[in-house]
Amino acid sequence: MSHGIMTVTDLKQVLTELTRDIDGNFDIWLSCDEEGNEFLPMFRNIERSMAVDKDTKRIIFFPSHR
């Protein structure tokens, strides 16, 4: 994947691939502030925009820092 901004199609592909490795009982967490003061894109490169914590059963999405 390139370093472009993630699209819905990209996200669907990532989630499809994840379901092959993990069950559907993982929580989704977002790294952000609750006030929504700043909006940042997520990169297509999931190594820079997502983490999977199998111990706590969390999928964590985080935006780019440009």
C-alpha atoms as a PDB file:
ATOM      1  CA  MET A   1       0.000   0.000   0.000  1.00  0.00           C
ATOM      2  CA  SER A   2       1.148   3.526  -0.681  1.00  0.00           C
ATOM      3  CA  HIS A   3       1.391   6.368   1.833  1.00  0.00           C
ATOM      4  CA  GLY A   4      -1.785   7.953   0.465  1.00  0.00           C
ATOM      5  CA  ILE A   5      -4.851   8.600   2.541  1.00  0.00           C
ATOM      6  CA  MET A   6      -6.974   5.559   3.381  1.00  0.00           C
ATOM      7  CA  THR A   7     -10.276   5.176   1.521  1.00  0.00           C
ATOM      8  CA  VAL A   8     -13.375   3.180   2.447  1.00  0.00           C
ATOM      9  CA  THR A   9     -12.282   0.499  -0.035  1.00  0.00           C
ATOM     10  CA  ASP A  10      -8.873   0.313   1.671  1.00  0.00           C
ATOM     11  CA  LEU A  11     -10.487   0.035   5.111  1.00  0.00           C
ATOM     12  CA  LYS A  12     -12.824  -2.735   3.962  1.00  0.00           C
ATOM     13  CA  GLN A  13      -9.841  -4.665   2.616  1.00  0.00           C
ATOM     14  CA  VAL A  14      -7.897  -4.247   5.858  1.00  0.00           C
ATOM     15  CA  LEU A  15     -10.855  -5.424   7.939  1.00  0.00           C
ATOM     16  CA  THR A  16     -11.438  -8.410   5.646  1.00  0.00           C
ATOM     17  CA  GLU A  17      -7.798  -9.434   6.017  1.00  0.00           C
ATOM     18  CA  LEU A  18      -7.949  -8.975   9.801  1.00  0.00           C
ATOM     19  CA  THR A  19     -10.933 -11.283  10.166  1.00  0.00           C
ATOM     20  CA  ARG A  20      -8.793 -14.099   8.789  1.00  0.00           C
ATOM     21  CA  ASP A  21      -6.420 -13.755  11.766  1.00  0.00           C
ATOM     22  CA  ILE A  22      -8.675 -12.648  14.634  1.00  0.00           C
ATOM     23  CA  ASP A  23     -12.241 -13.204  15.754  1.00  0.00           C
ATOM     24  CA  GLY A  24     -14.916 -10.519  15.562  1.00  0.00           C
ATOM     25  CA  ASN A  25     -14.879  -9.804  19.307  1.00  0.00           C
ATOM     26  CA  PHE A  26     -12.129  -7.184  19.255  1.00  0.00           C
ATOM     27  CA  ASP A  27     -12.922  -3.659  20.463  1.00  0.00           C
ATOM     28  CA  ILE A  28     -12.230  -0.735  18.121  1.00  0.00           C
ATOM     29  CA  TRP A  29     -10.286   2.131  19.697  1.00  0.00           C
ATOM     30  CA  LEU A  30      -9.439   5.503  18.171  1.00  0.00           C
ATOM     31  CA  SER A  31      -6.482   7.628  19.157  1.00  0.00           C
ATOM     32  CA  CYS A  32      -7.833  11.200  19.405  1.00  0.00           C
ATOM     33  CA  ASP A  33      -9.158  13.813  21.760  1.00  0.00           C
ATOM     34  CA  GLU A  34     -12.853  13.770  22.586  1.00  0.00           C
ATOM     35  CA  GLU A  35     -13.368  17.409  21.600  1.00  0.00           C
ATOM     36  CA  GLY A  36     -12.519  16.890  17.923  1.00  0.00           C
ATOM     37  CA  ASN A  37     -10.215  19.897  17.817  1.00  0.00           C
ATOM     38  CA  GLU A  38      -8.182  18.551  14.935  1.00  0.00           C
ATOM     39  CA  PHE A  39      -8.892  16.166  12.074  1.00  0.00           C
ATOM     40  CA  LEU A  40      -6.054  14.108  10.626  1.00  0.00           C
ATOM     41  CA  PRO A  41      -6.057  11.534   7.823  1.00  0.00           C
ATOM     42  CA  MET A  42      -5.265   7.861   8.203  1.00  0.00           C
ATOM     43  CA  PHE A  43      -2.622   6.519   5.858  1.00  0.00           C
ATOM     44  CA  ARG A  44      -3.211   3.543   3.582  1.00  0.00           C
ATOM     45  CA  ASN A  45      -0.051   2.039   5.062  1.00  0.00           C
ATOM     46  CA  ILE A  46      -1.602   0.279   8.061  1.00  0.00           C
ATOM     47  CA  GLU A  47       1.750   0.037   9.825  1.00  0.00           C
ATOM     48  CA  ARG A  48       1.468   3.808  10.247  1.00  0.00           C
ATOM     49  CA  SER A  49      -2.261   3.988  11.019  1.00  0.00           C
ATOM     50  CA  MET A  50      -3.307   0.874  12.941  1.00  0.00           C
ATOM     51  CA  ALA A  51      -2.246  -1.526  15.676  1.00  0.00           C
ATOM     52  CA  VAL A  52      -3.723  -4.846  16.787  1.00  0.00           C
ATOM     53  CA  ASP A  53      -3.334  -5.744  20.456  1.00  0.00           C
ATOM     54  CA  LYS A  54      -4.273  -9.400  20.744  1.00  0.00           C
ATOM     55  CA  ASP A  55      -3.723  -9.430  24.529  1.00  0.00           C
ATOM     56  CA  THR A  56      -6.403  -6.820  25.228  1.00  0.00           C
ATOM     57  CA  LYS A  57      -8.438  -7.696  22.096  1.00  0.00           C
ATOM     58  CA  ARG A  58      -8.235  -4.161  20.686  1.00  0.00           C
ATOM     59  CA  ILE A  59      -7.814  -2.765  17.208  1.00  0.00           C
ATOM     60  CA  ILE A  60      -6.438   0.748  17.516  1.00  0.00           C
ATOM     61  CA  PHE A  61      -6.653   3.267  14.685  1.00  0.00           C
ATOM     62  CA  PHE A  62      -4.559   6.412  14.829  1.00  0.00           C
ATOM     63  CA  PRO A  63      -4.243   9.340  12.422  1.00  0.00           C
ATOM     64  CA  SER A  64      -1.126  10.521  10.681  1.00  0.00           C
ATOM     65  CA  HIS A  65       0.962  13.286  12.136  1.00  0.00           C
ATOM     66  CA  ARG A  66       1.810  14.400   8.610  1.00  0.00           C
END
